[in-house]
Amino acid sequence: MSKDPYTLAGEAAAALRAAAGLDLSDAAFDVAFVMGSGWVPAADAIGETVREIPFTDLPGFRAPAVAGHGGKIRVVRTAAGRHALIFLGRTHLYESPSGLGVDAVVHGVRTAAAAGVRTLVLTNAAGGLRPETQNVGDPVLISDHINLTGANPITGTTFIDLTEVYSRRLRALVREIDPTLAEGVYVAFRGPTYETPAEIRMLRTLGGDMIGMSTVLEAIAAREANLDVLGISLVTNPGAGLSGEPLNHEEVLEVGRATAARMGVLLAKVVDRL
């Protein structure tokens, strides 16, 4: 019989605290980051590394299967003395082999919540749906999302209000640091195929601004746990059919690496002002 996912997250949180050398009763983590494709180098700017713990050392985690995801949880002390968890990689819905499904995708978020985190920062690499206003390399604050994955991490009769999935307060805080940042609606598909030009035209009509294959299920699980969520997409390519060029994952990673330093400095300033 499979273990309840919330119980498993609690066990993972206890193992994480122990591996980090923290007392099990000490709610020492202020914030958690989930780093998307190409974002891993940005973690270096957030603070001093205290520990690095491989995913596979903790209950319920598996190594990421996607290039550009590091497969570790980094415990960091920031310049202001805060403790942060940085998930260097994530599990995507399309990765999940038989039986893992949505619970595997949101296990990191549930573990962070069980470890005492109250603020979650979700990052991703995304296709831009508005080339008339977006440039490759632009970070965009996620103001809302459209879930087209066909999945939901919550089952049964648990009803969660998603009127404000991504914290308005946190977005305002980030814009105080960098007033140039735009906001947009993130659309999630299951993947792993990129979208067709017809799907991109549909998403623009629906009001989408960025398209990707992650984040929304994690954000829903975070709201279930009453976490404040900040989402940031890095526009790594125009959506299919908008540039006339084919889409390539290595190019996605390259854009992420090229802008990692800027993103790390931004995130470091954000965490110290939370």
C-alpha atoms as a PDB file:
ATOM      1  CA  MET A   1       0.000   0.000   0.000  1.00  0.00           C
ATOM      2  CA  SER A   2       1.430   3.397  -1.011  1.00  0.00           C
ATOM      3  CA  LYS A   3       2.114   5.941   1.712  1.00  0.00           C
ATOM      4  CA  ASP A   4      -0.081   9.030   2.055  1.00  0.00           C
ATOM      5  CA  PRO A   5       1.740  11.883   0.190  1.00  0.00           C
ATOM      6  CA  TYR A   6       1.422  14.288   3.125  1.00  0.00           C
ATOM      7  CA  THR A   7       2.903  11.748   5.535  1.00  0.00           C
ATOM      8  CA  LEU A   8       5.715  11.129   3.053  1.00  0.00           C
ATOM      9  CA  ALA A   9       6.370  14.873   2.837  1.00  0.00           C
ATOM     10  CA  GLY A  10       6.569  15.056   6.636  1.00  0.00           C
ATOM     11  CA  GLU A  11       9.122  12.251   6.675  1.00  0.00           C
ATOM     12  CA  ALA A  12      11.134  13.980   3.957  1.00  0.00           C
ATOM     13  CA  ALA A  13      11.053  17.254   5.927  1.00  0.00           C
ATOM     14  CA  ALA A  14      12.344  15.510   9.052  1.00  0.00           C
ATOM     15  CA  ALA A  15      15.130  13.874   7.034  1.00  0.00           C
ATOM     16  CA  LEU A  16      15.949  17.226   5.439  1.00  0.00           C
ATOM     17  CA  ARG A  17      16.267  18.942   8.806  1.00  0.00           C
ATOM     18  CA  ALA A  18      18.465  16.154  10.096  1.00  0.00           C
ATOM     19  CA  ALA A  19      20.688  16.248   7.019  1.00  0.00           C
ATOM     20  CA  ALA A  20      20.953  20.035   7.351  1.00  0.00           C
ATOM     21  CA  GLY A  21      22.039  19.676  10.990  1.00  0.00           C
ATOM     22  CA  LEU A  22      18.958  21.459  12.343  1.00  0.00           C
ATOM     23  CA  ASP A  23      16.821  20.575  15.321  1.00  0.00           C
ATOM     24  CA  LEU A  24      13.650  18.756  14.242  1.00  0.00           C
ATOM     25  CA  SER A  25      11.456  21.180  16.227  1.00  0.00           C
ATOM     26  CA  ASP A  26      13.128  24.286  14.818  1.00  0.00           C
ATOM     27  CA  ALA A  27      11.176  26.003  12.022  1.00  0.00           C
ATOM     28  CA  ALA A  28      14.407  27.393  10.635  1.00  0.00           C
ATOM     29  CA  PHE A  29      13.590  27.807   6.940  1.00  0.00           C
ATOM     30  CA  ASP A  30      12.145  31.158   5.888  1.00  0.00           C
ATOM     31  CA  VAL A  31      11.707  30.637   2.157  1.00  0.00           C
ATOM     32  CA  ALA A  32      12.107  27.975  -0.510  1.00  0.00           C
ATOM     33  CA  PHE A  33      13.069  28.379  -4.155  1.00  0.00           C
ATOM     34  CA  VAL A  34      12.397  25.925  -6.976  1.00  0.00           C
ATOM     35  CA  MET A  35      14.865  26.507  -9.791  1.00  0.00           C
ATOM     36  CA  GLY A  36      13.666  25.801 -13.320  1.00  0.00           C
ATOM     37  CA  SER A  37      15.611  24.955 -16.483  1.00  0.00           C
ATOM     38  CA  GLY A  38      18.728  27.096 -16.758  1.00  0.00           C
ATOM     39  CA  TRP A  39      18.134  28.789 -13.386  1.00  0.00           C
ATOM     40  CA  VAL A  40      20.497  26.587 -11.330  1.00  0.00           C
ATOM     41  CA  PRO A  41      23.510  28.996 -11.535  1.00  0.00           C
ATOM     42  CA  ALA A  42      21.347  31.771 -10.075  1.00  0.00           C
ATOM     43  CA  ALA A  43      21.348  29.919  -6.756  1.00  0.00           C
ATOM     44  CA  ASP A  44      24.966  30.884  -6.113  1.00  0.00           C
ATOM     45  CA  ALA A  45      24.039  34.552  -5.655  1.00  0.00           C
ATOM     46  CA  ILE A  46      21.313  33.960  -3.065  1.00  0.00           C
ATOM     47  CA  GLY A  47      23.595  33.232  -0.129  1.00  0.00           C
ATOM     48  CA  GLU A  48      26.214  31.068   1.546  1.00  0.00           C
ATOM     49  CA  THR A  49      25.752  27.330   1.116  1.00  0.00           C
ATOM     50  CA  VAL A  50      25.391  25.506   4.440  1.00  0.00           C
ATOM     51  CA  ARG A  51      24.596  22.033   3.075  1.00  0.00           C
ATOM     52  CA  GLU A  52      23.778  20.321  -0.204  1.00  0.00           C
ATOM     53  CA  ILE A  53      21.578  17.264   0.022  1.00  0.00           C
ATOM     54  CA  PRO A  54      20.916  15.010  -2.988  1.00  0.00           C
ATOM     55  CA  PHE A  55      17.232  14.501  -3.733  1.00  0.00           C
ATOM     56  CA  THR A  56      17.724  10.765  -3.614  1.00  0.00           C
ATOM     57  CA  ASP A  57      18.838  10.936   0.044  1.00  0.00           C
ATOM     58  CA  LEU A  58      15.331  11.981   1.097  1.00  0.00           C
ATOM     59  CA  PRO A  59      12.093   9.937   1.163  1.00  0.00           C
ATOM     60  CA  GLY A  60       9.858  10.340  -1.866  1.00  0.00           C
ATOM     61  CA  PHE A  61      12.304  12.215  -4.097  1.00  0.00           C
ATOM     62  CA  ARG A  62      13.826  11.055  -7.356  1.00  0.00           C
ATOM     63  CA  ALA A  63      16.627  12.489  -9.439  1.00  0.00           C
ATOM     64  CA  PRO A  64      15.492  14.977 -12.122  1.00  0.00           C
ATOM     65  CA  ALA A  65      15.489  13.582 -15.636  1.00  0.00           C
ATOM     66  CA  VAL A  66      15.781  16.937 -17.421  1.00  0.00           C
ATOM     67  CA  ALA A  67      19.055  18.586 -18.433  1.00  0.00           C
ATOM     68  CA  GLY A  68      19.703  21.820 -16.549  1.00  0.00           C
ATOM     69  CA  HIS A  69      18.223  20.560 -13.261  1.00  0.00           C
ATOM     70  CA  GLY A  70      20.753  19.870 -10.516  1.00  0.00           C
ATOM     71  CA  GLY A  71      19.059  17.206  -8.403  1.00  0.00           C
ATOM     72  CA  LYS A  72      19.962  18.627  -4.986  1.00  0.00           C
ATOM     73  CA  ILE A  73      18.452  20.687  -2.196  1.00  0.00           C
ATOM     74  CA  ARG A  74      20.763  23.456  -1.077  1.00  0.00           C
ATOM     75  CA  VAL A  75      20.459  24.958   2.404  1.00  0.00           C
ATOM     76  CA  VAL A  76      21.564  28.591   2.199  1.00  0.00           C
ATOM     77  CA  ARG A  77      22.183  31.368   4.712  1.00  0.00           C
ATOM     78  CA  THR A  78      21.489  34.779   3.198  1.00  0.00           C
ATOM     79  CA  ALA A  79      23.317  38.038   3.886  1.00  0.00           C
ATOM     80  CA  ALA A  80      20.530  39.034   6.300  1.00  0.00           C
ATOM     81  CA  GLY A  81      20.911  35.768   8.230  1.00  0.00           C
ATOM     82  CA  ARG A  82      17.814  34.055   6.823  1.00  0.00           C
ATOM     83  CA  HIS A  83      17.758  30.376   5.962  1.00  0.00           C
ATOM     84  CA  ALA A  84      16.527  29.345   2.544  1.00  0.00           C
ATOM     85  CA  LEU A  85      15.944  26.036   0.806  1.00  0.00           C
ATOM     86  CA  ILE A  86      16.864  25.936  -2.869  1.00  0.00           C
ATOM     87  CA  PHE A  87      15.532  23.019  -4.902  1.00  0.00           C
ATOM     88  CA  LEU A  88      17.989  22.656  -7.768  1.00  0.00           C
ATOM     89  CA  GLY A  89      15.581  20.966 -10.135  1.00  0.00           C
ATOM     90  CA  ARG A  90      12.054  19.600 -10.109  1.00  0.00           C
ATOM     91  CA  THR A  91       9.990  16.658 -11.309  1.00  0.00           C
ATOM     92  CA  HIS A  92       7.712  17.404 -14.261  1.00  0.00           C
ATOM     93  CA  LEU A  93       4.398  15.731 -14.905  1.00  0.00           C
ATOM     94  CA  TYR A  94       5.641  14.227 -18.169  1.00  0.00           C
ATOM     95  CA  GLU A  95       8.566  12.553 -16.362  1.00  0.00           C
ATOM     96  CA  SER A  96       6.462  10.580 -13.924  1.00  0.00           C
ATOM     97  CA  PRO A  97       6.686   6.850 -14.634  1.00  0.00           C
ATOM     98  CA  SER A  98       3.873   4.473 -13.758  1.00  0.00           C
ATOM     99  CA  GLY A  99       2.203   5.296 -10.463  1.00  0.00           C
ATOM    100  CA  LEU A 100       4.090   8.478  -9.505  1.00  0.00           C
ATOM    101  CA  GLY A 101       1.881  11.071 -11.162  1.00  0.00           C
ATOM    102  CA  VAL A 102       1.059  14.446  -9.669  1.00  0.00           C
ATOM    103  CA  ASP A 103       2.181  13.671  -6.111  1.00  0.00           C
ATOM    104  CA  ALA A 104       5.768  13.299  -7.335  1.00  0.00           C
ATOM    105  CA  VAL A 105       5.564  16.709  -9.030  1.00  0.00           C
ATOM    106  CA  VAL A 106       4.506  18.544  -5.854  1.00  0.00           C
ATOM    107  CA  HIS A 107       6.449  16.475  -3.313  1.00  0.00           C
ATOM    108  CA  GLY A 108       9.137  19.161  -2.996  1.00  0.00           C
ATOM    109  CA  VAL A 109       6.564  21.855  -2.252  1.00  0.00           C
ATOM    110  CA  ARG A 110       4.827  19.714   0.352  1.00  0.00           C
ATOM    111  CA  THR A 111       8.192  18.874   1.917  1.00  0.00           C
ATOM    112  CA  ALA A 112       9.112  22.563   2.125  1.00  0.00           C
ATOM    113  CA  ALA A 113       5.779  23.351   3.773  1.00  0.00           C
ATOM    114  CA  ALA A 114       6.272  20.520   6.263  1.00  0.00           C
ATOM    115  CA  ALA A 115       9.738  21.927   7.021  1.00  0.00           C
ATOM    116  CA  GLY A 116       8.222  25.251   8.081  1.00  0.00           C
ATOM    117  CA  VAL A 117       8.573  27.321   4.910  1.00  0.00           C
ATOM    118  CA  ARG A 118       5.856  29.969   4.492  1.00  0.00           C
ATOM    119  CA  THR A 119       7.040  31.646   1.268  1.00  0.00           C
ATOM    120  CA  LEU A 120       7.719  29.799  -1.985  1.00  0.00           C
ATOM    121  CA  VAL A 121       9.463  31.206  -5.061  1.00  0.00           C
ATOM    122  CA  LEU A 122       8.801  29.228  -8.250  1.00  0.00           C
ATOM    123  CA  THR A 123      10.980  29.886 -11.293  1.00  0.00           C
ATOM    124  CA  ASN A 124      10.791  28.455 -14.778  1.00  0.00           C
ATOM    125  CA  ALA A 125      11.936  28.781 -18.356  1.00  0.00           C
ATOM    126  CA  ALA A 126       9.060  29.701 -20.639  1.00  0.00           C
ATOM    127  CA  GLY A 127       8.167  30.398 -24.210  1.00  0.00           C
ATOM    128  CA  GLY A 128       7.051  33.966 -24.787  1.00  0.00           C
ATOM    129  CA  LEU A 129       3.619  34.446 -26.332  1.00  0.00           C
ATOM    130  CA  ARG A 130       3.972  38.217 -26.807  1.00  0.00           C
ATOM    131  CA  PRO A 131       7.054  38.858 -28.964  1.00  0.00           C
ATOM    132  CA  GLU A 132       5.785  42.377 -29.593  1.00  0.00           C
ATOM    133  CA  THR A 133       6.530  43.242 -25.936  1.00  0.00           C
ATOM    134  CA  GLN A 134       8.809  40.418 -24.732  1.00  0.00           C
ATOM    135  CA  ASN A 135      12.467  39.839 -25.516  1.00  0.00           C
ATOM    136  CA  VAL A 136      14.382  36.602 -25.067  1.00  0.00           C
ATOM    137  CA  GLY A 137      16.041  36.826 -21.659  1.00  0.00           C
ATOM    138  CA  ASP A 138      13.275  38.885 -20.053  1.00  0.00           C
ATOM    139  CA  PRO A 139      12.081  37.825 -16.592  1.00  0.00           C
ATOM    140  CA  VAL A 140       8.318  38.141 -16.153  1.00  0.00           C
ATOM    141  CA  LEU A 141       6.409  38.037 -12.853  1.00  0.00           C
ATOM    142  CA  ILE A 142       3.581  35.508 -12.963  1.00  0.00           C
ATOM    143  CA  SER A 143       0.319  37.238 -12.067  1.00  0.00           C
ATOM    144  CA  ASP A 144      -1.971  34.262 -12.775  1.00  0.00           C
ATOM    145  CA  HIS A 145      -2.008  30.948 -14.598  1.00  0.00           C
ATOM    146  CA  ILE A 146      -4.060  28.741 -16.894  1.00  0.00           C
ATOM    147  CA  ASN A 147      -3.782  25.047 -16.077  1.00  0.00           C
ATOM    148  CA  LEU A 148      -3.958  22.983 -19.276  1.00  0.00           C
ATOM    149  CA  THR A 149      -2.015  20.007 -17.894  1.00  0.00           C
ATOM    150  CA  GLY A 150      -5.203  18.010 -17.318  1.00  0.00           C
ATOM    151  CA  ALA A 151      -4.053  17.357 -13.741  1.00  0.00           C
ATOM    152  CA  ASN A 152      -4.490  18.726 -10.216  1.00  0.00           C
ATOM    153  CA  PRO A 153      -2.515  17.844  -7.069  1.00  0.00           C
ATOM    154  CA  ILE A 154      -5.638  18.086  -4.893  1.00  0.00           C
ATOM    155  CA  THR A 155      -8.288  15.394  -4.916  1.00  0.00           C
ATOM    156  CA  GLY A 156     -11.541  14.777  -3.084  1.00  0.00           C
ATOM    157  CA  THR A 157     -13.616  17.577  -1.589  1.00  0.00           C
ATOM    158  CA  THR A 158     -10.821  19.966  -0.644  1.00  0.00           C
ATOM    159  CA  PHE A 159     -11.771  23.275  -2.257  1.00  0.00           C
ATOM    160  CA  ILE A 160      -8.982  25.850  -2.546  1.00  0.00           C
ATOM    161  CA  ASP A 161      -9.564  29.479  -3.526  1.00  0.00           C
ATOM    162  CA  LEU A 162      -7.225  30.355  -6.404  1.00  0.00           C
ATOM    163  CA  THR A 163      -8.346  33.959  -6.833  1.00  0.00           C
ATOM    164  CA  GLU A 164      -4.813  35.065  -5.918  1.00  0.00           C
ATOM    165  CA  VAL A 165      -2.440  32.158  -6.474  1.00  0.00           C
ATOM    166  CA  TYR A 166       0.589  34.422  -6.909  1.00  0.00           C
ATOM    167  CA  SER A 167       0.916  36.953  -4.108  1.00  0.00           C
ATOM    168  CA  ARG A 168       0.143  40.531  -5.119  1.00  0.00           C
ATOM    169  CA  ARG A 169       2.213  41.713  -2.137  1.00  0.00           C
ATOM    170  CA  LEU A 170       5.284  39.771  -3.238  1.00  0.00           C
ATOM    171  CA  ARG A 171       4.972  40.999  -6.817  1.00  0.00           C
ATOM    172  CA  ALA A 172       4.851  44.571  -5.554  1.00  0.00           C
ATOM    173  CA  LEU A 173       7.943  43.944  -3.435  1.00  0.00           C
ATOM    174  CA  VAL A 174       9.862  42.646  -6.465  1.00  0.00           C
ATOM    175  CA  ARG A 175       8.835  45.647  -8.556  1.00  0.00           C
ATOM    176  CA  GLU A 176      10.218  47.918  -5.827  1.00  0.00           C
ATOM    177  CA  ILE A 177      13.566  46.248  -6.472  1.00  0.00           C
ATOM    178  CA  ASP A 178      13.225  46.199 -10.270  1.00  0.00           C
ATOM    179  CA  PRO A 179      10.427  48.451 -11.594  1.00  0.00           C
ATOM    180  CA  THR A 180      11.122  47.312 -15.165  1.00  0.00           C
ATOM    181  CA  LEU A 181       9.661  43.825 -14.633  1.00  0.00           C
ATOM    182  CA  ALA A 182       6.447  43.059 -16.483  1.00  0.00           C
ATOM    183  CA  GLU A 183       3.683  40.715 -15.326  1.00  0.00           C
ATOM    184  CA  GLY A 184       1.941  38.005 -17.270  1.00  0.00           C
ATOM    185  CA  VAL A 185      -0.277  34.922 -17.266  1.00  0.00           C
ATOM    186  CA  TYR A 186       1.588  31.600 -17.379  1.00  0.00           C
ATOM    187  CA  VAL A 187       0.007  28.699 -19.248  1.00  0.00           C
ATOM    188  CA  ALA A 188       1.064  25.141 -18.433  1.00  0.00           C
ATOM    189  CA  PHE A 189       0.849  22.164 -20.796  1.00  0.00           C
ATOM    190  CA  ARG A 190       1.764  18.649 -19.779  1.00  0.00           C
ATOM    191  CA  GLY A 191       4.630  18.276 -22.321  1.00  0.00           C
ATOM    192  CA  PRO A 192       7.152  16.985 -23.176  1.00  0.00           C
ATOM    193  CA  THR A 193       6.393  18.131 -26.727  1.00  0.00           C
ATOM    194  CA  TYR A 194       6.545  21.827 -27.420  1.00  0.00           C
ATOM    195  CA  GLU A 195       3.353  23.492 -28.565  1.00  0.00           C
ATOM    196  CA  THR A 196       2.168  23.766 -32.143  1.00  0.00           C
ATOM    197  CA  PRO A 197       1.746  27.152 -33.844  1.00  0.00           C
ATOM    198  CA  ALA A 198      -2.041  26.639 -33.731  1.00  0.00           C
ATOM    199  CA  GLU A 199      -1.882  26.057 -29.972  1.00  0.00           C
ATOM    200  CA  ILE A 200       0.192  29.215 -29.553  1.00  0.00           C
ATOM    201  CA  ARG A 201      -2.446  31.215 -31.427  1.00  0.00           C
ATOM    202  CA  MET A 202      -5.112  29.695 -29.161  1.00  0.00           C
ATOM    203  CA  LEU A 203      -3.176  30.581 -26.004  1.00  0.00           C
ATOM    204  CA  ARG A 204      -2.724  34.182 -27.111  1.00  0.00           C
ATOM    205  CA  THR A 205      -6.464  34.396 -27.658  1.00  0.00           C
ATOM    206  CA  LEU A 206      -7.083  32.946 -24.186  1.00  0.00           C
ATOM    207  CA  GLY A 207      -4.947  35.661 -22.600  1.00  0.00           C
ATOM    208  CA  GLY A 208      -1.732  33.727 -21.993  1.00  0.00           C
ATOM    209  CA  ASP A 209       1.623  35.498 -21.970  1.00  0.00           C
ATOM    210  CA  MET A 210       4.079  32.643 -21.286  1.00  0.00           C
ATOM    211  CA  ILE A 211       3.918  28.894 -21.943  1.00  0.00           C
ATOM    212  CA  GLY A 212       5.731  26.102 -20.112  1.00  0.00           C
ATOM    213  CA  MET A 213       5.488  22.632 -18.612  1.00  0.00           C
ATOM    214  CA  SER A 214       5.785  23.243 -14.864  1.00  0.00           C
ATOM    215  CA  THR A 215       4.920  25.550 -11.938  1.00  0.00           C
ATOM    216  CA  VAL A 216       1.096  25.533 -11.845  1.00  0.00           C
ATOM    217  CA  LEU A 217       0.715  22.217 -10.010  1.00  0.00           C
ATOM    218  CA  GLU A 218       3.367  23.306  -7.495  1.00  0.00           C
ATOM    219  CA  ALA A 219       1.598  26.651  -7.022  1.00  0.00           C
ATOM    220  CA  ILE A 220      -1.733  24.920  -6.358  1.00  0.00           C
ATOM    221  CA  ALA A 221      -0.132  22.601  -3.789  1.00  0.00           C
ATOM    222  CA  ALA A 222       1.531  25.616  -2.169  1.00  0.00           C
ATOM    223  CA  ARG A 223      -1.791  27.415  -1.826  1.00  0.00           C
ATOM    224  CA  GLU A 224      -3.295  24.286  -0.299  1.00  0.00           C
ATOM    225  CA  ALA A 225      -0.525  24.537   2.325  1.00  0.00           C
ATOM    226  CA  ASN A 226      -1.259  28.282   2.743  1.00  0.00           C
ATOM    227  CA  LEU A 227       2.124  29.363   1.405  1.00  0.00           C
ATOM    228  CA  ASP A 228       2.662  32.776  -0.186  1.00  0.00           C
ATOM    229  CA  VAL A 229       3.790  32.187  -3.779  1.00  0.00           C
ATOM    230  CA  LEU A 230       6.002  34.273  -6.036  1.00  0.00           C
ATOM    231  CA  GLY A 231       6.385  33.053  -9.612  1.00  0.00           C
ATOM    232  CA  ILE A 232       8.976  34.251 -12.131  1.00  0.00           C
ATOM    233  CA  SER A 233       9.247  33.065 -15.737  1.00  0.00           C
ATOM    234  CA  LEU A 234      12.357  33.612 -17.823  1.00  0.00           C
ATOM    235  CA  VAL A 235      11.409  34.042 -21.475  1.00  0.00           C
ATOM    236  CA  THR A 236      13.913  31.788 -23.235  1.00  0.00           C
ATOM    237  CA  ASN A 237      12.320  31.614 -26.695  1.00  0.00           C
ATOM    238  CA  PRO A 238       9.315  32.852 -28.653  1.00  0.00           C
ATOM    239  CA  GLY A 239       6.411  30.399 -28.821  1.00  0.00           C
ATOM    240  CA  ALA A 240       6.193  28.012 -31.765  1.00  0.00           C
ATOM    241  CA  GLY A 241       5.469  29.749 -35.046  1.00  0.00           C
ATOM    242  CA  LEU A 242       6.182  33.256 -33.733  1.00  0.00           C
ATOM    243  CA  SER A 243       9.780  33.436 -34.942  1.00  0.00           C
ATOM    244  CA  GLY A 244       9.968  30.933 -37.793  1.00  0.00           C
ATOM    245  CA  GLU A 245      12.666  28.974 -35.947  1.00  0.00           C
ATOM    246  CA  PRO A 246      12.360  25.463 -34.412  1.00  0.00           C
ATOM    247  CA  LEU A 247      12.389  25.138 -30.606  1.00  0.00           C
ATOM    248  CA  ASN A 248      15.421  23.616 -28.905  1.00  0.00           C
ATOM    249  CA  HIS A 249      15.926  22.725 -25.223  1.00  0.00           C
ATOM    250  CA  GLU A 250      19.655  23.462 -25.323  1.00  0.00           C
ATOM    251  CA  GLU A 251      18.902  27.013 -26.435  1.00  0.00           C
ATOM    252  CA  VAL A 252      16.495  27.306 -23.492  1.00  0.00           C
ATOM    253  CA  LEU A 253      19.311  26.335 -21.116  1.00  0.00           C
ATOM    254  CA  GLU A 254      21.772  28.704 -22.779  1.00  0.00           C
ATOM    255  CA  VAL A 255      19.477  31.705 -22.283  1.00  0.00           C
ATOM    256  CA  GLY A 256      19.047  30.695 -18.648  1.00  0.00           C
ATOM    257  CA  ARG A 257      22.778  30.491 -18.098  1.00  0.00           C
ATOM    258  CA  ALA A 258      23.332  33.846 -19.802  1.00  0.00           C
ATOM    259  CA  THR A 259      20.925  35.638 -17.450  1.00  0.00           C
ATOM    260  CA  ALA A 260      21.571  33.605 -14.278  1.00  0.00           C
ATOM    261  CA  ALA A 261      23.674  36.263 -12.566  1.00  0.00           C
ATOM    262  CA  ARG A 262      20.976  38.932 -12.928  1.00  0.00           C
ATOM    263  CA  MET A 263      18.326  36.545 -11.661  1.00  0.00           C
ATOM    264  CA  GLY A 264      20.415  35.478  -8.674  1.00  0.00           C
ATOM    265  CA  VAL A 265      21.033  39.069  -7.577  1.00  0.00           C
ATOM    266  CA  LEU A 266      17.320  39.826  -7.923  1.00  0.00           C
ATOM    267  CA  LEU A 267      16.310  36.778  -5.873  1.00  0.00           C
ATOM    268  CA  ALA A 268      18.881  37.559  -3.176  1.00  0.00           C
ATOM    269  CA  LYS A 269      17.411  41.045  -2.761  1.00  0.00           C
ATOM    270  CA  VAL A 270      13.896  39.622  -2.664  1.00  0.00           C
ATOM    271  CA  VAL A 271      14.581  37.057   0.064  1.00  0.00           C
ATOM    272  CA  ASP A 272      16.255  39.617   2.333  1.00  0.00           C
ATOM    273  CA  ARG A 273      13.196  41.899   2.079  1.00  0.00           C
ATOM    274  CA  LEU A 274      10.543  39.269   2.740  1.00  0.00           C
END
